[in-house]
């Protein structure tokens, strides 16, 4: 069986699609929810990101830190936000190539907004065996699909907790 190239998860958050979209479309804020992302490098991604916006994401896994260059590929308020990761590096994102695509969809529900987060592995040119060895080395033994499923679920739970707490405070 080949590797899984796309995984997603979703959660219902008791806020409007507008509130959820505005939060997720600010790459600088992603570090508040993600177990791996630390937000953006200074000077990139400070406000809501529009179509074509490029930003540098900061990331960490354990003691290891790296940066990525990302470009927004969808910015449809209250509906969809997506970006592709197309360069990576330690201090600067120098190594270019397709890495991953992240997408967030927002659907109004009776209980608020269903937010769906999807990760797609864009390393399709990598042979499965090479990807499997690399993935297990950088995730402490997991395939990226399983690793990202856990990250997505944590991110969505954290996003829900923050947005609902904020809505409760502002009432």
Protein backbone atom coordinates (compact mmCIF):
# COMPACT_ATOMS: atom_id res chain seq x y z
CA UNK A 1 0.00 0.00 0.00
CA UNK A 2 1.31 3.49 -0.91
CA UNK A 3 1.59 6.29 1.56
CA UNK A 4 -1.39 8.41 2.55
CA UNK A 5 -1.03 11.83 0.94
CA UNK A 6 -4.02 13.66 2.47
CA UNK A 7 -5.50 13.71 5.96
CA UNK A 8 -8.02 15.99 7.60
CA UNK A 9 -10.03 16.55 10.72
CA UNK A 10 -12.87 18.83 11.71
CA UNK A 11 -14.51 20.34 14.74
CA UNK A 12 -17.59 22.48 15.40
CA UNK A 13 -16.76 25.78 17.07
CA UNK A 14 -19.46 27.96 18.62
CA UNK A 15 -18.57 31.07 16.59
CA UNK A 16 -19.55 32.42 13.18
CA UNK A 17 -17.67 31.41 10.01
CA UNK A 18 -16.39 35.01 9.87
CA UNK A 19 -14.75 34.77 13.30
CA UNK A 20 -13.18 31.39 12.53
CA UNK A 21 -11.94 32.53 9.11
CA UNK A 22 -10.42 35.76 10.47
CA UNK A 23 -8.47 33.77 13.07
CA UNK A 24 -7.12 31.12 10.70
CA UNK A 25 -6.30 33.57 7.89
CA UNK A 26 -3.69 35.28 10.11
CA UNK A 27 -0.62 33.03 9.73
CA UNK A 28 1.16 34.96 12.49
CA UNK A 29 -1.42 33.64 14.98
CA UNK A 30 -1.21 29.94 14.03
CA UNK A 31 1.45 29.32 16.68
CA UNK A 32 -1.19 29.85 19.38
CA UNK A 33 -3.00 26.66 18.32
CA UNK A 34 -0.57 24.43 16.45
CA UNK A 35 1.65 21.99 18.36
CA UNK A 36 4.39 22.52 15.75
CA UNK A 37 4.03 25.95 14.14
CA UNK A 38 5.33 29.02 15.98
CA UNK A 39 3.66 31.64 13.77
CA UNK A 40 5.53 33.68 11.19
CA UNK A 41 8.93 35.32 10.98
CA UNK A 42 8.89 39.03 11.79
CA UNK A 43 7.68 41.15 8.92
CA UNK A 44 5.61 38.41 7.28
CA UNK A 45 1.99 37.45 7.68
CA UNK A 46 0.98 40.02 10.31
CA UNK A 47 -2.61 40.56 9.13
CA UNK A 48 -5.23 38.51 7.37
CA UNK A 49 -3.48 36.97 4.37
CA UNK A 50 -4.97 37.51 0.96
CA UNK A 51 -4.63 35.42 -2.17
CA UNK A 52 -0.99 35.36 -3.31
CA UNK A 53 0.42 36.55 0.03
CA UNK A 54 3.79 34.97 0.81
CA UNK A 55 4.93 34.44 4.39
CA UNK A 56 7.71 32.67 6.26
CA UNK A 57 6.46 30.19 8.83
CA UNK A 58 8.50 29.27 11.91
CA UNK A 59 8.27 25.68 13.16
CA UNK A 60 9.65 23.38 15.83
CA UNK A 61 9.57 19.70 16.62
CA UNK A 62 11.31 18.98 19.91
CA UNK A 63 14.66 20.78 19.85
CA UNK A 64 14.68 21.05 16.03
CA UNK A 65 13.59 24.37 14.46
CA UNK A 66 13.12 25.32 10.81
CA UNK A 67 11.38 27.85 8.58
CA UNK A 68 9.18 27.48 5.52
CA UNK A 69 8.14 29.80 2.70
CA UNK A 70 4.42 29.63 2.04
CA UNK A 71 2.03 31.20 -0.47
CA UNK A 72 -1.70 31.67 0.07
CA UNK A 73 -3.59 29.79 -2.66
CA UNK A 74 -7.18 30.42 -1.45
CA UNK A 75 -8.60 33.31 0.56
CA UNK A 76 -12.39 33.14 0.40
CA UNK A 77 -13.72 34.89 3.52
CA UNK A 78 -15.98 32.71 5.69
CA UNK A 79 -15.49 29.72 3.33
CA UNK A 80 -11.90 28.64 2.62
CA UNK A 81 -8.29 29.51 3.38
CA UNK A 82 -5.32 27.55 1.98
CA UNK A 83 -1.59 27.87 1.47
CA UNK A 84 1.16 25.78 -0.02
CA UNK A 85 4.57 25.24 1.52
CA UNK A 86 7.19 25.45 -1.21
CA UNK A 87 10.57 26.07 0.46
CA UNK A 88 12.23 24.97 3.69
CA UNK A 89 15.43 25.65 5.58
CA UNK A 90 17.04 26.08 8.97
CA UNK A 91 17.67 29.83 9.04
CA UNK A 92 16.08 30.76 5.74
CA UNK A 93 13.81 28.74 3.46
CA UNK A 94 16.41 27.97 0.77
CA UNK A 95 15.52 24.44 -0.37
CA UNK A 96 12.72 24.88 -2.91
CA UNK A 97 10.18 22.33 -4.03
CA UNK A 98 6.66 21.11 -3.35
CA UNK A 99 6.34 20.18 0.34
CA UNK A 100 2.74 20.41 1.54
CA UNK A 101 -0.59 22.19 1.20
CA UNK A 102 -2.75 23.22 4.16
CA UNK A 103 -6.43 24.01 3.71
CA UNK A 104 -9.15 25.21 6.10
CA UNK A 105 -12.84 25.12 5.22
CA UNK A 106 -15.59 26.87 7.18
CA UNK A 107 -19.18 25.62 7.09
CA UNK A 108 -22.02 27.20 9.07
CA UNK A 109 -23.81 24.64 11.24
CA UNK A 110 -26.60 24.82 13.79
CA UNK A 111 -23.99 24.79 16.54
CA UNK A 112 -21.67 27.41 14.98
CA UNK A 113 -19.03 26.64 12.37
CA UNK A 114 -17.53 23.35 11.27
CA UNK A 115 -13.83 23.99 10.66
CA UNK A 116 -12.08 21.35 8.56
CA UNK A 117 -8.30 21.34 8.41
CA UNK A 118 -6.61 19.32 5.65
CA UNK A 119 -2.94 18.53 5.08
CA UNK A 120 -1.78 17.26 1.68
CA UNK A 121 1.70 15.85 1.15
CA UNK A 122 2.97 17.53 -2.02
CA UNK A 123 6.16 15.42 -2.12
CA UNK A 124 4.56 13.19 -4.75
CA UNK A 125 7.81 12.81 -6.71
CA UNK A 126 9.45 11.11 -3.72
CA UNK A 127 9.45 7.31 -3.92
CA UNK A 128 7.29 5.85 -1.14
CA UNK A 129 10.23 3.99 0.43
CA UNK A 130 12.37 7.14 0.62
CA UNK A 131 9.49 9.16 2.06
CA UNK A 132 8.79 6.44 4.66
CA UNK A 133 12.39 6.44 5.91
CA UNK A 134 12.56 10.25 5.98
CA UNK A 135 9.16 10.58 7.67
CA UNK A 136 9.98 8.12 10.44
CA UNK A 137 13.33 9.83 11.07
CA UNK A 138 11.85 13.32 11.46
CA UNK A 139 8.69 12.32 13.36
CA UNK A 140 10.25 9.88 15.85
CA UNK A 141 8.76 6.84 14.15
CA UNK A 142 5.50 7.94 12.51
CA UNK A 143 4.39 8.24 8.93
CA UNK A 144 3.65 11.90 8.15
CA UNK A 145 -0.05 11.18 7.64
CA UNK A 146 -0.43 9.78 11.17
CA UNK A 147 1.76 12.54 12.62
CA UNK A 148 -0.24 15.27 10.88
CA UNK A 149 -3.56 13.72 11.92
CA UNK A 150 -2.51 14.15 15.56
CA UNK A 151 -1.32 17.71 14.89
CA UNK A 152 -4.57 18.62 13.13
CA UNK A 153 -6.68 17.30 16.00
CA UNK A 154 -4.62 19.26 18.57
CA UNK A 155 -4.75 22.42 16.48
CA UNK A 156 -8.52 22.24 16.06
CA UNK A 157 -9.11 21.60 19.78
CA UNK A 158 -6.87 24.56 20.70
CA UNK A 159 -8.57 26.81 18.13
CA UNK A 160 -12.00 25.85 19.51
CA UNK A 161 -10.94 26.50 23.09
CA UNK A 162 -9.53 29.94 22.30
CA UNK A 163 -12.28 31.18 19.99
CA UNK A 164 -15.10 30.03 22.28
CA UNK A 165 -13.38 31.54 25.35
CA UNK A 166 -12.92 34.83 23.47
CA UNK A 167 -16.59 34.79 22.36
CA UNK A 168 -17.68 34.12 25.95
CA UNK A 169 -15.60 37.07 27.27
CA UNK A 170 -16.91 39.48 24.65
CA UNK A 171 -20.38 38.02 24.98
